[in-house]
Amino acid sequence: MTPIRWPRAAAAGVLVVLAALIAAERLHTYDEPLERDITTYAVIGHELLAGRRLYSDLWDHKPPAVHATFAAAEALVGYGAQEVYLVNVLAAVATLLGVFAAARAGGCGRGMALWAAAFWAVISGDARSWANQPNTEVFLNACLIWALAAMLAMRGDARDGARVVSAGCLFALASLYKPVAVAVAAPLALVHVAWPPGERPDRRRALLQAVALAVPGALAWIGTLAWFGLSGRLGDFTAAVFAFNRFYAGDTVANLGHGLEPGELLGGALIGAVPLAVAAVGLLAAARARRFGRTALLALAYAIGTFAAVALPGQFWPHYFQLWLPLVAVAGGLGIAALQEAAVPRRPWLGRAAAAALLAILVAQQAPSYGRSADAWSERKYGTRFVVWRERARAVDAVLAPGETFYEWGAETGLYFYSQRRPPTGVFYNYPLRFGPLVRALSARTVRDLAAHPPELVLIPLGEPAPMGHPVLDWIAQRYAPVEVPGVGPDVEALARVGGALQARSRRAAPPRGGEPGSPLPRG
C-alpha cells in the first residue's frame, strides 16, 4: 500500500468539511444557557457600542480584547445568541487551521496534518472543559497555536523575519485577551534560542529573534496604556487589570505548586486521560525521531507554558484546561507521523490505521454529549444555575415596561443579556464590592450610578452575602420595598422603587390581602 498524496485542493476541501463539522457541533448548543463570563463579555460589548466606557464605567478585570471582539461581533450580526455563535465558530475554525499549519510546519505530511485537524474538530467542543462556548481560552488557542506554527516553520533563512513578526504579533494579541499567554511565549522563545533552526544553527541570530518576539507585545501594551491614559482612564484600567488580578490570583508561586498536584495537573474533570496520553505519547514518539527533534522540543515548551497558564491564576476553572486541546491534536499528529515514518516502506498503512483508531477513540469519548439537549449541556457543566437564571431573566423582562431597568446584587449578567435590558451600573458583579482592593471605590461608583439612573426593580439572591452597613445595600434599603415578581423564585428578594411605576402597577394588580389597600406587598 503506497502513501496517499493529498493535493492542496483536496486538503482544502477536507478542512472545509471539518470547519462545517465544528459549526454543526456549536449549532447543537446554540440555545445553551450561558455562564456568566460569556454573558458579561456580550453585555459589555453591547454597552460599548452604546457609548459607555470600559473600566471607568463598565468594570471587568479582563484586558480589552475580549470585549472588543464581542462588540465587533454584535456590530456584524446583532445582540444575542447569534454573536456568541459567530465568535465561537470563528475562533474554533481559526484554531483548526492553526492546528493544520502547526502540524504541517512541524514535519507532518499534508495527510497527517489533516488527521491532526480532524482530532481538533472532534475534541474542540469538549464538554468537560466547557470548550463548546467562547470563553477567553478559545481566543488564546487561536492566537497561540498559530504562533507555534510560525515558530515551527522557521528554517534559519531570510523568511524567518516575517515568521518572527507574525509570532510576536500573535503573542501580543493573545496577551490582550489574557496576560497568561506570556507563560506560553516565554518557554517557546527559550527553546528557540537553545536549539536554533536551520542546518547551520546561529544562536546569536536566534537570541535577537527571541528579543524581537517580545517587541510587538511591548508595543501593544504601551499603546493600550497610552490609550487609556489619554482618555483619562489609566487608573481605572490598571486597578482592574493589574491590582485586582494580583489579588484574585494570590501567590502565583504557590499556584504553580498546586498545579502539580495530580488532580489539577491531569485536569481529571476536563479533558480526561485519553487526550493527555495522546499528547504525551505523541511528543515522546516525535522526540525519538531525529527529523522531529526541534519540533518536539517546541511542542514540549508549549506544554510547559500551557501548564503555567492554567495554574498561574490559582482558580483551576474547567475552561482553563481548554488550552491543552490544540496541543493534544498537534501532538497526536506528530506522534503518528513519527510512527509512520519509522514504518515506511514496509508498513505505510500503519500510520493511517493508528490515526483512524485514535480518531475513533476521541469520537467515542465526545459523541455521548451530542445526544443531550442544549439545556442538558449547561446542567452537566454548571448544574441548573444558568438554566434557572435564564428563566428568571424572562420573568424580569415580563414584569418591566419598555425602557425600565433593574439591578441585581449578585453576578448573574445573564439577566441583562437574556432580558436585553441595559444595566443601570457598569459594576455588574458584587464580588469586587465585597472583597479585594477596590471595594471602596467600586461601591461608591455603584451608588453614584444607581442614584443617577434608579432602576425600577432590584433583585437580591438570598444566598448572596449581604454585609451589614454596605453602602450599596444601605442605598437600596432606603429606597426600595418588597414586591412580587412571578417567576423569580422564592430564593430571590425582589424590591420595587418606592413611588416608582413598578410599585404602582403591582399595587393595582395585587388582590386584597387583609391589610390596608395599597400597603406594601409581602416579599416574593
Protein backbone atom coordinates (compact mmCIF):
# COMPACT_ATOMS: atom_id res chain seq x y z
CA MET A 1 0.00 0.00 0.00
CA THR A 2 1.56 3.31 -1.09
CA PRO A 3 1.26 6.56 0.88
CA ILE A 4 -1.70 8.75 -0.07
CA ARG A 5 -0.76 12.04 -1.77
CA TRP A 6 -3.03 14.94 -0.87
CA PRO A 7 -3.22 17.77 -3.43
CA ARG A 8 -3.75 21.21 -1.96
CA ALA A 9 -7.28 21.46 -3.33
CA ALA A 10 -8.27 18.15 -1.77
CA ALA A 11 -6.72 19.14 1.58
CA ALA A 12 -8.60 22.45 1.45
CA GLY A 13 -11.81 20.54 0.81
CA VAL A 14 -11.24 18.35 3.89
CA LEU A 15 -10.59 21.44 6.02
CA VAL A 16 -13.85 22.98 4.78
CA VAL A 17 -15.71 19.81 5.81
CA LEU A 18 -14.06 19.87 9.24
CA ALA A 19 -14.97 23.55 9.63
CA ALA A 20 -18.57 22.69 8.78
CA LEU A 21 -18.46 19.91 11.40
CA ILE A 22 -17.33 22.43 14.03
CA ALA A 23 -20.13 24.81 13.01
CA ALA A 24 -22.65 21.97 13.35
CA GLU A 25 -21.28 20.99 16.76
CA ARG A 26 -21.65 24.55 18.02
CA LEU A 27 -25.10 24.81 16.47
CA HIS A 28 -26.20 21.90 18.64
CA THR A 29 -25.69 24.07 21.73
CA TYR A 30 -26.72 27.37 20.14
CA ASP A 31 -29.50 27.85 22.74
CA GLU A 32 -27.49 26.65 25.74
CA PRO A 33 -27.95 28.88 28.82
CA LEU A 34 -24.59 30.65 29.01
CA GLU A 35 -22.33 31.05 32.01
CA ARG A 36 -21.65 34.48 33.42
CA ASP A 37 -18.25 35.19 31.85
CA ILE A 38 -19.65 34.92 28.34
CA THR A 39 -22.78 36.95 29.06
CA THR A 40 -20.57 39.60 30.69
CA TYR A 41 -18.48 39.95 27.52
CA ALA A 42 -21.64 40.26 25.43
CA VAL A 43 -23.24 42.81 27.76
CA ILE A 44 -20.07 44.91 27.90
CA GLY A 45 -19.71 44.72 24.12
CA HIS A 46 -23.30 45.92 23.76
CA GLU A 47 -22.75 48.79 26.16
CA LEU A 48 -19.51 49.77 24.41
CA LEU A 49 -21.46 50.15 21.18
CA ALA A 50 -23.94 52.31 23.08
CA GLY A 51 -21.14 54.70 24.04
CA ARG A 52 -20.25 53.61 27.57
CA ARG A 53 -16.58 53.39 28.50
CA LEU A 54 -14.60 50.37 29.56
CA TYR A 55 -13.15 50.26 33.10
CA SER A 56 -14.21 53.80 34.08
CA ASP A 57 -17.86 52.72 33.73
CA LEU A 58 -18.06 49.12 32.56
CA TRP A 59 -15.99 47.13 35.06
CA ASP A 60 -14.26 43.84 34.38
CA HIS A 61 -10.80 42.56 35.27
CA LYS A 62 -10.06 41.14 31.80
CA PRO A 63 -7.96 43.08 29.26
CA PRO A 64 -9.92 44.80 26.49
CA ALA A 65 -9.53 42.38 23.55
CA VAL A 66 -12.38 40.06 24.51
CA HIS A 67 -14.84 42.93 24.98
CA ALA A 68 -13.81 44.46 21.66
CA THR A 69 -14.29 41.07 19.98
CA PHE A 70 -17.87 40.72 21.22
CA ALA A 71 -18.64 44.33 20.31
CA ALA A 72 -17.38 43.67 16.76
CA ALA A 73 -19.47 40.50 16.53
CA GLU A 74 -22.58 42.38 17.65
CA ALA A 75 -21.90 45.09 15.07
CA LEU A 76 -21.94 42.36 12.42
CA VAL A 77 -24.87 40.16 13.47
CA GLY A 78 -26.68 41.84 16.37
CA TYR A 79 -27.00 41.37 20.11
CA GLY A 80 -27.80 37.89 21.39
CA ALA A 81 -27.02 34.23 20.87
CA GLN A 82 -26.03 34.86 17.25
CA GLU A 83 -22.97 36.92 18.20
CA VAL A 84 -21.86 34.26 20.68
CA TYR A 85 -22.21 31.60 17.99
CA LEU A 86 -20.27 33.71 15.49
CA VAL A 87 -17.20 34.30 17.68
CA ASN A 88 -17.38 30.69 18.86
CA VAL A 89 -17.22 29.22 15.36
CA LEU A 90 -14.68 31.71 14.02
CA ALA A 91 -12.28 31.07 16.91
CA ALA A 92 -12.61 27.30 16.63
CA VAL A 93 -12.13 27.32 12.85
CA ALA A 94 -9.11 29.63 13.18
CA THR A 95 -7.65 27.12 15.65
CA LEU A 96 -8.48 24.27 13.24
CA LEU A 97 -6.40 25.95 10.54
CA GLY A 98 -3.68 26.69 13.09
CA VAL A 99 -3.50 23.05 14.14
CA PHE A 100 -3.15 22.01 10.50
CA ALA A 101 -0.47 24.66 9.92
CA ALA A 102 1.44 23.71 13.08
CA ALA A 103 1.40 20.01 12.24
CA ARG A 104 2.48 20.75 8.68
CA ALA A 105 5.27 23.12 9.76
CA GLY A 106 6.38 20.62 12.38
CA GLY A 107 7.15 17.98 9.76
CA CYS A 108 3.88 16.16 9.15
CA GLY A 109 2.84 15.45 5.60
CA ARG A 110 -0.35 17.02 4.35
CA GLY A 111 -2.33 13.87 5.08
CA MET A 112 -1.19 13.53 8.69
CA ALA A 113 -1.73 17.25 9.26
CA LEU A 114 -5.33 16.68 8.17
CA TRP A 115 -5.61 13.90 10.76
CA ALA A 116 -4.39 16.37 13.40
CA ALA A 117 -7.02 18.86 12.23
CA ALA A 118 -9.65 16.12 12.49
CA PHE A 119 -8.57 15.39 16.08
CA TRP A 120 -9.13 19.08 16.87
CA ALA A 121 -12.53 19.15 15.17
CA VAL A 122 -13.67 16.30 17.43
CA ILE A 123 -12.28 17.48 20.77
CA SER A 124 -12.67 21.24 20.27
CA GLY A 125 -16.14 21.25 21.84
CA ASP A 126 -15.22 19.10 24.85
CA ALA A 127 -18.00 19.45 27.43
CA ARG A 128 -15.83 18.68 30.44
CA SER A 129 -13.61 21.68 29.71
CA TRP A 130 -16.63 23.82 28.77
CA ALA A 131 -14.99 24.19 25.36
CA ASN A 132 -18.17 24.39 23.32
CA GLN A 133 -18.72 28.02 24.32
CA PRO A 134 -16.41 31.03 23.76
CA ASN A 135 -14.67 31.99 26.95
CA THR A 136 -11.31 33.76 26.60
CA GLU A 137 -9.45 30.47 26.12
CA VAL A 138 -10.89 29.97 22.62
CA PHE A 139 -9.21 33.20 21.51
CA LEU A 140 -5.97 32.28 23.27
CA ASN A 141 -5.98 28.94 21.47
CA ALA A 142 -6.43 30.57 18.07
CA CYS A 143 -3.55 33.00 18.67
CA LEU A 144 -1.12 30.65 20.39
CA ILE A 145 -1.40 27.69 18.01
CA TRP A 146 -0.74 29.97 15.04
CA ALA A 147 2.24 31.45 16.89
CA LEU A 148 3.54 27.90 17.43
CA ALA A 149 3.04 27.21 13.71
CA ALA A 150 5.11 30.29 12.84
CA MET A 151 7.95 29.18 15.12
CA LEU A 152 7.85 25.61 13.82
CA ALA A 153 8.10 26.98 10.28
CA MET A 154 11.40 28.76 10.95
CA ARG A 155 14.21 27.29 8.87
CA GLY A 156 17.11 29.63 9.58
CA ASP A 157 16.59 31.51 6.31
CA ALA A 158 15.64 35.01 5.21
CA ARG A 159 11.92 34.33 5.61
CA ASP A 160 12.29 33.84 9.36
CA GLY A 161 12.00 37.59 9.88
CA ALA A 162 8.37 37.57 8.77
CA ARG A 163 7.70 34.50 10.91
CA VAL A 164 9.16 36.19 13.98
CA VAL A 165 6.97 39.25 13.42
CA SER A 166 3.89 37.04 12.92
CA ALA A 167 4.54 35.03 16.08
CA GLY A 168 5.26 38.18 18.09
CA CYS A 169 2.03 39.84 16.95
CA LEU A 170 0.04 36.73 17.81
CA PHE A 171 1.58 36.53 21.28
CA ALA A 172 0.78 40.23 21.74
CA LEU A 173 -2.85 39.76 20.72
CA ALA A 174 -3.18 36.71 22.97
CA SER A 175 -1.89 38.72 25.95
CA LEU A 176 -4.60 41.32 25.35
CA TYR A 177 -7.14 38.56 25.80
CA LYS A 178 -5.39 37.17 28.87
CA PRO A 179 -1.87 38.02 30.08
CA VAL A 180 -1.10 34.38 30.96
CA ALA A 181 -0.30 33.99 27.25
CA VAL A 182 3.19 35.19 28.19
CA ALA A 183 3.64 31.90 30.06
CA VAL A 184 3.43 30.07 26.71
CA ALA A 185 5.53 32.57 24.76
CA ALA A 186 8.48 32.57 27.17
CA PRO A 187 9.43 28.85 27.04
CA LEU A 188 8.98 28.83 23.27
CA ALA A 189 11.45 31.71 22.98
CA LEU A 190 13.93 29.92 25.28
CA VAL A 191 13.81 26.75 23.17
CA HIS A 192 14.26 28.82 20.02
CA VAL A 193 17.49 30.25 21.44
CA ALA A 194 18.78 26.95 22.82
CA TRP A 195 18.01 24.98 19.64
CA PRO A 196 18.03 27.40 16.72
CA PRO A 197 16.57 26.27 13.37
CA GLY A 198 18.48 25.56 10.18
CA GLU A 199 21.31 23.36 9.00
CA ARG A 200 23.84 25.80 10.48
CA PRO A 201 22.21 26.99 13.71
CA ASP A 202 23.06 30.57 14.63
CA ARG A 203 22.39 31.13 18.33
CA ARG A 204 23.19 34.84 18.20
CA ARG A 205 20.61 35.41 15.48
CA ALA A 206 18.13 33.23 17.40
CA LEU A 207 18.67 35.38 20.51
CA LEU A 208 17.94 38.54 18.53
CA GLN A 209 14.81 36.89 17.13
CA ALA A 210 13.68 35.92 20.64
CA VAL A 211 14.03 39.55 21.72
CA ALA A 212 12.13 40.59 18.59
CA LEU A 213 9.29 38.25 19.60
CA ALA A 214 8.67 40.45 22.64
CA VAL A 215 8.60 43.75 20.75
CA PRO A 216 5.01 43.56 19.42
CA GLY A 217 3.77 42.68 22.90
CA ALA A 218 5.62 45.58 24.47
CA LEU A 219 4.27 47.96 21.83
CA ALA A 220 0.73 46.58 22.23
CA TRP A 221 0.73 47.14 25.98
CA ILE A 222 2.42 50.54 25.75
CA GLY A 223 -0.22 51.52 23.20
CA THR A 224 -3.02 50.19 25.42
CA LEU A 225 -1.72 52.07 28.47
CA ALA A 226 -1.34 55.23 26.38
CA TRP A 227 -4.89 54.89 25.03
CA PHE A 228 -6.41 54.64 28.49
CA GLY A 229 -4.08 57.32 29.80
CA LEU A 230 -5.00 59.82 27.09
CA SER A 231 -8.70 59.15 27.69
CA GLY A 232 -8.31 59.69 31.44
CA ARG A 233 -8.91 56.07 32.38
CA LEU A 234 -5.41 54.79 33.14
CA GLY A 235 -6.06 54.46 36.87
CA ASP A 236 -9.31 52.57 36.32
CA PHE A 237 -7.65 50.27 33.79
CA THR A 238 -4.61 49.42 35.91
CA ALA A 239 -6.74 48.99 39.03
CA ALA A 240 -8.99 46.45 37.30
CA VAL A 241 -6.47 44.55 35.17
CA PHE A 242 -3.41 44.65 37.44
CA ALA A 243 -4.34 45.47 41.06
CA PHE A 244 -7.48 43.35 41.21
CA ASN A 245 -5.92 40.44 39.29
CA ARG A 246 -2.96 40.37 41.69
CA PHE A 247 -5.48 39.99 44.50
CA TYR A 248 -7.52 37.45 42.51
CA ALA A 249 -4.54 35.19 41.74
CA GLY A 250 -2.86 35.44 45.13
CA ASP A 251 0.51 33.71 45.46
CA THR A 252 1.43 32.69 41.89
CA VAL A 253 4.38 30.54 43.01
CA ALA A 254 2.08 28.59 45.32
CA ASN A 255 -0.40 28.31 42.43
CA LEU A 256 2.24 26.63 40.26
CA GLY A 257 2.92 24.15 43.05
CA HIS A 258 -0.79 23.49 43.44
CA GLY A 259 -0.97 22.89 39.69
CA LEU A 260 1.44 19.96 40.07
CA GLU A 261 -1.00 18.11 42.30
CA PRO A 262 -2.38 15.09 40.37
CA GLY A 263 -6.00 16.25 40.42
CA GLU A 264 -5.14 19.61 38.91
CA LEU A 265 -2.27 18.52 36.66
CA LEU A 266 -4.32 15.88 34.86
CA GLY A 267 -7.43 18.02 34.59
CA GLY A 268 -9.50 14.98 35.51
CA ALA A 269 -12.76 16.89 35.39
CA LEU A 270 -11.83 18.24 32.00
CA ILE A 271 -10.24 16.58 29.05
CA GLY A 272 -9.62 13.21 30.68
CA ALA A 273 -6.77 10.75 30.46
CA VAL A 274 -7.03 9.77 26.78
CA PRO A 275 -6.19 13.14 25.18
CA LEU A 276 -3.40 13.83 27.67
CA ALA A 277 -1.96 10.40 27.00
CA VAL A 278 -2.14 11.17 23.27
CA ALA A 279 -0.11 14.32 23.82
CA ALA A 280 2.48 12.59 25.98
CA VAL A 281 2.97 9.57 23.70
CA GLY A 282 2.92 11.76 20.60
CA LEU A 283 5.62 14.08 21.89
CA LEU A 284 7.70 11.10 23.03
CA ALA A 285 7.47 9.43 19.64
CA ALA A 286 8.29 12.67 17.85
CA ALA A 287 11.27 13.32 20.12
CA ARG A 288 12.72 9.90 19.30
CA ALA A 289 12.51 10.61 15.58
CA ARG A 290 15.52 12.69 14.59
CA ARG A 291 13.67 14.74 11.98
CA PHE A 292 11.12 15.89 14.59
CA GLY A 293 13.65 16.82 17.28
CA ARG A 294 13.24 20.62 17.32
CA THR A 295 9.53 20.23 16.69
CA ALA A 296 9.15 18.03 19.76
CA LEU A 297 11.13 20.47 21.91
CA LEU A 298 8.97 23.41 20.84
CA ALA A 299 5.84 21.36 21.49
CA LEU A 300 7.20 20.41 24.92
CA ALA A 301 7.86 24.10 25.64
CA TYR A 302 4.26 24.83 24.59
CA ALA A 303 3.11 22.15 27.04
CA ILE A 304 5.15 23.66 29.91
CA GLY A 305 3.72 27.08 29.09
CA THR A 306 0.21 25.68 28.97
CA PHE A 307 0.62 24.14 32.41
CA ALA A 308 1.77 27.53 33.74
CA ALA A 309 -1.05 29.41 32.01
CA VAL A 310 -3.60 27.08 33.62
CA ALA A 311 -2.03 27.21 37.07
CA LEU A 312 -0.98 30.86 37.48
CA PRO A 313 -4.47 32.33 38.14
CA GLY A 314 -4.85 29.85 41.01
CA GLN A 315 -8.51 29.08 40.29
CA PHE A 316 -8.38 25.95 38.09
CA TRP A 317 -11.74 26.52 36.46
CA PRO A 318 -12.57 23.81 33.89
CA HIS A 319 -12.42 26.23 30.95
CA TYR A 320 -8.74 26.94 31.70
CA PHE A 321 -7.89 23.38 30.62
CA GLN A 322 -9.10 24.06 27.07
CA LEU A 323 -5.61 25.40 26.48
CA TRP A 324 -4.36 21.80 26.28
CA LEU A 325 -6.65 20.79 23.43
CA PRO A 326 -4.79 22.23 20.38
CA LEU A 327 -1.55 20.68 21.66
CA VAL A 328 -3.30 17.32 22.00
CA ALA A 329 -4.33 17.50 18.34
CA VAL A 330 -0.89 18.55 17.07
CA ALA A 331 1.00 16.09 19.29
CA GLY A 332 -1.26 13.26 18.13
CA GLY A 333 -0.47 14.08 14.51
CA LEU A 334 3.27 14.41 15.19
CA GLY A 335 3.48 11.14 17.07
CA ILE A 336 1.67 9.18 14.42
CA ALA A 337 3.75 10.84 11.70
CA ALA A 338 6.89 9.68 13.51
CA LEU A 339 5.43 6.18 13.75
CA GLN A 340 4.51 6.17 10.07
CA GLU A 341 7.96 7.38 9.07
CA ALA A 342 9.55 4.53 11.04
CA ALA A 343 7.23 2.02 9.32
CA VAL A 344 7.87 3.16 5.73
CA PRO A 345 8.33 1.44 3.37
CA ARG A 346 7.34 -1.84 5.00
CA ARG A 347 4.01 -0.83 6.58
CA PRO A 348 2.86 2.54 5.20
CA TRP A 349 -0.69 1.76 6.27
CA LEU A 350 0.27 1.66 9.94
CA GLY A 351 0.16 5.43 10.46
CA ARG A 352 -3.26 5.76 8.86
CA ALA A 353 -4.58 2.88 10.95
CA ALA A 354 -3.22 4.43 14.15
CA ALA A 355 -4.73 7.82 13.24
CA ALA A 356 -8.11 6.24 12.48
CA ALA A 357 -8.04 4.32 15.76
CA LEU A 358 -7.19 7.47 17.74
CA LEU A 359 -9.92 9.44 16.00
CA ALA A 360 -12.41 6.68 16.80
CA ILE A 361 -11.43 6.79 20.48
CA LEU A 362 -11.85 10.57 20.59
CA VAL A 363 -15.21 10.36 18.81
CA ALA A 364 -16.39 7.72 21.28
CA GLN A 365 -15.32 9.99 24.12
CA GLN A 366 -17.12 13.06 22.76
CA ALA A 367 -20.19 11.64 20.97
CA PRO A 368 -22.41 10.99 24.04
CA SER A 369 -22.54 14.72 24.79
CA TYR A 370 -24.27 15.38 21.48
CA GLY A 371 -27.17 13.17 22.49
CA ARG A 372 -28.05 15.75 25.15
CA SER A 373 -30.11 18.89 24.71
CA ALA A 374 -28.57 22.35 24.95
CA ASP A 375 -30.06 22.81 28.43
CA ALA A 376 -28.63 19.44 29.48
CA TRP A 377 -25.15 20.58 28.38
CA SER A 378 -25.48 23.59 30.69
CA GLU A 379 -26.75 21.42 33.55
CA ARG A 380 -23.90 18.95 33.10
CA LYS A 381 -21.30 21.71 33.23
CA TYR A 382 -22.72 24.10 35.82
CA GLY A 383 -25.72 22.43 37.39
CA THR A 384 -29.13 24.06 36.93
CA ARG A 385 -27.93 27.57 37.85
CA PHE A 386 -27.83 29.20 34.42
CA VAL A 387 -30.95 27.43 33.17
CA VAL A 388 -32.81 28.89 36.15
CA TRP A 389 -31.37 32.39 35.71
CA ARG A 390 -32.28 32.46 32.03
CA GLU A 391 -35.91 31.84 33.01
CA ARG A 392 -35.67 34.49 35.70
CA ALA A 393 -34.43 36.96 33.10
CA ARG A 394 -37.58 36.31 31.09
CA ALA A 395 -39.71 36.80 34.21
CA VAL A 396 -38.00 40.13 34.94
CA ASP A 397 -38.46 41.26 31.36
CA ALA A 398 -42.15 40.40 31.52
CA VAL A 399 -42.81 42.50 34.63
CA LEU A 400 -40.95 45.62 33.45
CA ALA A 401 -42.27 48.14 30.95
CA PRO A 402 -40.19 49.13 27.90
CA GLY A 403 -37.22 51.27 28.92
CA GLU A 404 -37.36 50.30 32.61
CA THR A 405 -34.24 48.83 34.20
CA PHE A 406 -33.28 46.59 37.10
CA TYR A 407 -30.22 45.85 39.20
CA GLU A 408 -29.09 42.56 40.70
CA TRP A 409 -26.88 42.33 43.77
CA GLY A 410 -25.02 39.25 42.56
CA ALA A 411 -23.11 38.15 39.50
CA GLU A 412 -25.70 36.94 37.00
CA THR A 413 -25.09 39.10 33.95
CA GLY A 414 -27.25 36.66 32.01
CA LEU A 415 -30.20 38.58 33.47
CA TYR A 416 -29.22 41.59 31.37
CA PHE A 417 -28.23 39.51 28.35
CA TYR A 418 -31.42 37.47 28.11
CA SER A 419 -33.80 40.29 29.04
CA GLN A 420 -31.94 42.69 26.69
CA ARG A 421 -32.26 45.33 29.43
CA ARG A 422 -29.47 47.85 29.89
CA PRO A 423 -27.79 47.71 33.31
CA PRO A 424 -28.01 50.91 35.37
CA THR A 425 -24.43 50.44 36.62
CA GLY A 426 -21.36 49.08 34.88
CA VAL A 427 -20.28 47.21 38.02
CA PHE A 428 -22.18 44.01 37.31
CA TYR A 429 -20.55 41.73 39.89
CA ASN A 430 -20.81 42.14 43.63
CA TYR A 431 -17.60 40.25 44.46
CA PRO A 432 -15.31 43.29 43.89
CA LEU A 433 -17.84 45.19 46.03
CA ARG A 434 -17.31 42.73 48.89
CA PHE A 435 -13.60 41.96 48.87
CA GLY A 436 -10.36 42.99 47.24
CA PRO A 437 -8.53 46.29 46.79
CA LEU A 438 -11.36 48.11 45.01
CA VAL A 439 -14.26 47.69 47.44
CA ARG A 440 -14.50 51.33 48.49
CA ALA A 441 -14.02 52.85 45.02
CA LEU A 442 -16.37 50.48 43.20
CA SER A 443 -19.03 50.67 45.91
CA ALA A 444 -19.04 54.47 45.65
CA ARG A 445 -19.23 54.22 41.85
CA THR A 446 -22.15 51.79 42.04
CA VAL A 447 -24.10 54.05 44.41
CA ARG A 448 -23.49 57.03 42.08
CA ASP A 449 -24.67 55.01 39.09
CA LEU A 450 -27.82 53.79 40.82
CA ALA A 451 -28.61 57.28 42.11
CA ALA A 452 -28.18 58.75 38.64
CA HIS A 453 -30.31 56.07 36.96
CA PRO A 454 -32.55 54.49 39.63
CA PRO A 455 -33.74 51.05 38.47
CA GLU A 456 -37.40 50.15 38.91
CA LEU A 457 -36.51 46.71 40.27
CA VAL A 458 -33.72 45.32 42.45
CA LEU A 459 -33.05 41.61 42.87
CA ILE A 460 -31.11 40.24 45.82
CA PRO A 461 -30.49 36.47 45.76
CA LEU A 462 -30.91 35.26 49.32
CA GLY A 463 -27.81 33.09 49.05
CA GLU A 464 -25.58 36.06 48.20
CA PRO A 465 -23.63 37.61 51.10
CA ALA A 466 -25.23 40.88 52.20
CA PRO A 467 -22.80 42.53 54.67
CA MET A 468 -24.33 44.88 57.20
CA GLY A 469 -23.64 48.52 56.52
CA HIS A 470 -22.60 48.04 52.92
CA PRO A 471 -23.19 51.36 51.11
CA VAL A 472 -24.89 49.77 48.08
CA LEU A 473 -27.28 47.73 50.22
CA ASP A 474 -27.95 50.67 52.50
CA TRP A 475 -28.81 52.83 49.49
CA ILE A 476 -31.23 50.14 48.25
CA ALA A 477 -32.83 49.64 51.70
CA GLN A 478 -33.71 53.33 51.96
CA ARG A 479 -35.43 53.50 48.57
CA TYR A 480 -36.95 50.09 47.75
CA ALA A 481 -39.73 47.93 49.16
CA PRO A 482 -40.65 44.24 48.61
CA VAL A 483 -42.69 43.39 45.55
CA GLU A 484 -43.92 40.18 43.98
CA VAL A 485 -42.35 39.21 40.66
CA PRO A 486 -43.80 35.92 39.40
CA GLY A 487 -41.11 33.54 38.22
CA VAL A 488 -38.07 34.86 40.08
CA GLY A 489 -38.31 32.15 42.71
CA PRO A 490 -38.58 32.08 46.50
CA ASP A 491 -34.79 32.37 46.92
CA VAL A 492 -34.64 35.85 45.39
CA GLU A 493 -35.83 39.01 47.14
CA ALA A 494 -37.48 41.37 44.65
CA LEU A 495 -37.69 45.06 45.54
CA ALA A 496 -39.51 47.85 43.72
CA ARG A 497 -38.54 51.50 43.80
CA VAL A 498 -40.75 53.27 46.33
CA GLY A 499 -43.10 55.58 44.46
CA GLY A 500 -42.00 54.12 41.15
CA ALA A 501 -44.03 52.82 38.23
CA LEU A 502 -43.47 49.15 39.04
CA GLN A 503 -44.67 49.55 42.61
CA ALA A 504 -47.76 51.40 41.39
CA ARG A 505 -48.57 48.69 38.85
CA SER A 506 -48.01 45.95 41.42
CA ARG A 507 -50.37 47.56 43.92
CA ARG A 508 -53.11 47.97 41.33
CA ALA A 509 -52.74 44.35 40.22
CA ALA A 510 -52.49 42.82 43.70
CA PRO A 511 -55.57 41.10 45.20
CA PRO A 512 -56.69 42.17 48.73
CA ARG A 513 -54.60 40.52 51.47
CA GLY A 514 -56.36 41.71 54.61
CA GLY A 515 -54.33 44.88 55.08
CA GLU A 516 -54.75 48.47 54.11
CA PRO A 517 -55.34 49.00 50.39
CA GLY A 518 -52.06 49.89 48.75
CA SER A 519 -49.90 48.58 51.60
CA PRO A 520 -46.54 47.07 50.58
CA LEU A 521 -46.75 43.54 49.31
CA PRO A 522 -45.10 40.71 51.23
CA ARG A 523 -41.73 39.54 49.95
CA GLY A 524 -41.93 37.16 47.00
